[in-house]
Protein backbone atom coordinates (compact mmCIF):
# COMPACT_ATOMS: atom_id res chain seq x y z
CA UNK A 1 0.00 0.00 0.00
CA UNK A 2 1.37 3.41 -0.90
CA UNK A 3 1.62 6.15 1.69
CA UNK A 4 -0.91 8.25 -0.19
CA UNK A 5 -3.37 5.34 -0.22
CA UNK A 6 -2.85 4.87 3.53
CA UNK A 7 -3.45 8.57 4.12
CA UNK A 8 -6.79 8.45 2.28
CA UNK A 9 -7.77 5.14 3.91
CA UNK A 10 -7.11 6.35 7.45
CA UNK A 11 -8.72 9.73 6.68
CA UNK A 12 -11.89 7.95 5.57
CA UNK A 13 -11.82 5.80 8.72
CA UNK A 14 -11.47 8.97 10.81
CA UNK A 15 -14.49 10.52 9.14
CA UNK A 16 -16.49 7.34 9.70
CA UNK A 17 -15.38 7.43 13.35
CA UNK A 18 -16.49 11.01 13.93
CA UNK A 19 -19.81 10.42 12.16
CA UNK A 20 -20.28 7.27 14.26
CA UNK A 21 -19.50 9.13 17.48
CA UNK A 22 -21.94 11.93 16.63
CA UNK A 23 -24.55 9.36 15.59
CA UNK A 24 -24.19 7.53 18.90
CA UNK A 25 -24.55 10.76 20.88
CA UNK A 26 -27.70 11.65 18.93
CA UNK A 27 -29.10 8.13 19.40
CA UNK A 28 -28.41 8.32 23.15
CA UNK A 29 -30.17 11.66 23.45
CA UNK A 30 -33.13 10.42 21.41
CA UNK A 31 -33.29 6.97 23.04
CA UNK A 32 -35.74 8.03 25.75
CA UNK A 33 -38.17 9.34 23.11
CA UNK A 34 -37.68 6.95 20.23
CA UNK A 35 -37.78 3.18 20.12
CA UNK A 36 -35.66 3.26 16.95
CA UNK A 37 -32.92 5.29 18.64
CA UNK A 38 -33.04 3.04 21.71
CA UNK A 39 -32.70 0.04 19.38
CA UNK A 40 -29.58 1.57 17.79
CA UNK A 41 -28.07 2.16 21.24
CA UNK A 42 -28.90 -1.39 22.35
CA UNK A 43 -27.51 -2.89 19.13
CA UNK A 44 -24.18 -1.06 19.42
CA UNK A 45 -23.89 -1.29 23.22
CA UNK A 46 -23.51 -5.08 23.18
CA UNK A 47 -20.35 -5.23 21.08
CA UNK A 48 -19.36 -1.65 22.00
CA UNK A 49 -16.25 -2.66 23.94
CA UNK A 50 -15.07 -4.87 21.07
CA UNK A 51 -15.68 -2.01 18.62
CA UNK A 52 -13.71 0.34 20.89
CA UNK A 53 -10.84 -2.16 21.03
CA UNK A 54 -10.82 -2.37 17.22
CA UNK A 55 -10.81 1.43 16.95
CA UNK A 56 -7.86 1.72 19.36
CA UNK A 57 -5.95 -1.08 17.61
CA UNK A 58 -6.59 0.54 14.22
CA UNK A 59 -5.37 3.90 15.50
CA UNK A 60 -2.27 2.22 16.88
CA UNK A 61 -1.64 0.39 13.61
CA UNK A 62 -2.10 3.62 11.65
CA UNK A 63 0.36 5.53 13.80
CA UNK A 64 2.89 2.73 13.53
CA UNK A 65 2.43 2.61 9.76
CA UNK A 66 3.04 6.33 9.39
CA UNK A 67 6.15 6.31 11.58
CA UNK A 68 7.70 2.95 10.73
CA UNK A 69 6.73 2.47 7.08
CA UNK A 70 6.11 6.00 5.79
CA UNK A 71 8.99 7.36 7.91
CA UNK A 72 7.00 10.27 9.38
CA UNK A 73 8.98 11.23 12.48
CA UNK A 74 6.60 11.66 15.44
CA UNK A 75 6.74 15.03 17.19
CA UNK A 76 6.36 15.48 20.94
CA UNK A 77 2.57 15.80 20.78
CA UNK A 78 2.35 12.74 18.53
CA UNK A 79 4.18 10.79 21.23
CA UNK A 80 1.77 12.05 23.90
CA UNK A 81 -1.18 10.96 21.77
CA UNK A 82 0.43 7.54 21.36
CA UNK A 83 0.97 7.33 25.12
CA UNK A 84 -2.80 7.75 25.48
CA UNK A 85 -3.84 5.46 22.58
CA UNK A 86 -1.54 2.43 22.83
CA UNK A 87 -2.61 1.34 26.33
CA UNK A 88 -6.24 1.76 25.25
CA UNK A 89 -5.74 -0.91 22.58
CA UNK A 90 -4.63 -3.46 25.18
CA UNK A 91 -6.98 -2.30 27.94
CA UNK A 92 -10.05 -2.35 25.70
CA UNK A 93 -9.20 -5.74 24.19
CA UNK A 94 -9.01 -7.25 27.67
CA UNK A 95 -12.20 -5.47 28.75
CA UNK A 96 -14.02 -6.70 25.63
CA UNK A 97 -12.92 -10.28 26.29
CA UNK A 98 -14.10 -10.03 29.90
CA UNK A 99 -17.18 -7.89 29.10
CA UNK A 100 -15.90 -5.48 31.75
CA UNK A 101 -17.92 -2.28 31.28
CA UNK A 102 -16.14 -0.76 34.29
CA UNK A 103 -13.20 -0.11 31.95
CA UNK A 104 -14.89 3.19 31.18
CA UNK A 105 -13.54 4.54 34.48
CA UNK A 106 -10.01 4.07 33.13
CA UNK A 107 -10.52 4.44 29.40
CA UNK A 108 -12.53 7.67 29.36
CA UNK A 109 -9.96 9.78 31.25
CA UNK A 110 -7.14 8.43 29.09
CA UNK A 111 -9.08 8.99 25.85
CA UNK A 112 -10.16 12.45 27.01
CA UNK A 113 -6.54 13.45 27.65
CA UNK A 114 -5.61 12.06 24.23
CA UNK A 115 -8.47 13.98 22.57
CA UNK A 116 -7.38 17.20 24.29
CA UNK A 117 -3.79 16.73 23.12
CA UNK A 118 -5.02 15.94 19.60
CA UNK A 119 -7.13 19.09 19.59
CA UNK A 120 -4.18 21.23 20.70
CA UNK A 121 -1.94 19.56 18.11
CA UNK A 122 -4.51 20.17 15.37
CA UNK A 123 -4.72 23.85 16.33
CA UNK A 124 -0.91 24.15 16.21
CA UNK A 125 -0.89 22.67 12.70
CA UNK A 126 -3.21 25.42 11.47
CA UNK A 127 -1.99 28.23 13.75
CA UNK A 128 1.72 27.61 14.45
CA UNK A 129 1.85 30.77 16.59
CA UNK A 130 -0.33 28.95 19.16
CA UNK A 131 2.57 26.62 20.02
CA UNK A 132 3.65 27.19 23.63
CA UNK A 133 7.13 25.67 23.63
CA UNK A 134 6.08 22.05 24.12
CA UNK A 135 7.49 20.95 20.80
CA UNK A 136 11.04 20.46 19.61
CA UNK A 137 12.65 22.81 17.14
CA UNK A 138 14.07 19.85 15.21
CA UNK A 139 10.68 18.12 14.89
CA UNK A 140 8.08 20.88 15.26
CA UNK A 141 4.49 19.94 16.01
CA UNK A 142 3.25 22.36 13.36
CA UNK A 143 4.59 20.19 10.51
CA UNK A 144 1.88 18.52 8.46
CA UNK A 145 3.42 15.39 6.96
CA UNK A 146 0.95 15.39 4.10
CA UNK A 147 -1.57 17.76 2.59
CA UNK A 148 -4.69 17.41 4.71
CA UNK A 149 -7.06 14.94 3.09
CA UNK A 150 -10.32 16.64 2.05
CA UNK A 151 -8.65 19.90 3.09
CA UNK A 152 -8.83 19.32 6.85
CA UNK A 153 -8.02 15.72 7.86
CA UNK A 154 -4.50 15.46 9.26
CA UNK A 155 -2.86 13.01 11.66
CA UNK A 156 -3.97 14.80 14.88
CA UNK A 157 -7.51 15.03 13.49
CA UNK A 158 -7.46 11.28 12.85
CA UNK A 159 -6.32 10.62 16.42
CA UNK A 160 -9.00 12.95 17.78
CA UNK A 161 -11.70 11.04 15.86
CA UNK A 162 -10.44 7.74 17.28
CA UNK A 163 -10.44 9.07 20.86
CA UNK A 164 -13.95 10.51 20.50
CA UNK A 165 -15.39 7.28 19.10
CA UNK A 166 -13.72 5.27 21.87
CA UNK A 167 -15.30 7.54 24.49
CA UNK A 168 -18.70 7.18 22.80
CA UNK A 169 -18.45 3.40 22.66
CA UNK A 170 -17.19 2.67 26.18
CA UNK A 171 -19.81 4.90 27.79
CA UNK A 172 -22.65 3.27 25.88
CA UNK A 173 -25.12 1.18 27.88
CA UNK A 174 -28.29 -0.58 26.76
CA UNK A 175 -31.40 1.65 27.02
CA UNK A 176 -34.89 0.83 28.15
CA UNK A 177 -37.07 0.71 25.06
CA UNK A 178 -39.95 3.15 24.72
CA UNK A 179 -43.41 1.58 24.52
């Protein structure tokens, strides 16, 4: 697979992730008023931990591809995002195997920190003046390794989408259906 193909593939996955996260939030809000929305929540809640584990593993695989195959050198903020994402892949796989919904108490704070770092990193890419000295001068966090896919999807945006979908999935619980 070429690097450009991987960029488009992971960008599309990120967009699917953010649409999925928004869709789950809307379904959760509507679940108390709509049997259809409650059904969507119930359907996704069952395998939600497994889906979250797949999302985290895919994010991890994508970051490893871009650094180890495409030779994109991770900046400081990229490393911080990885520090948040990589344990999630293992933690969520174990939780999915054990059907341990209590993992949300550990996964949500970690994913929230990762999402916050991703947001800051994304801002720095578009407004380099916003950088506060966290990043190295040799590998600045404002560098975009490729032209943003669809004009706005970059690596930190992809990570953000993964973190947001993980949060949406691990906090999902079956709803009471409306009669």
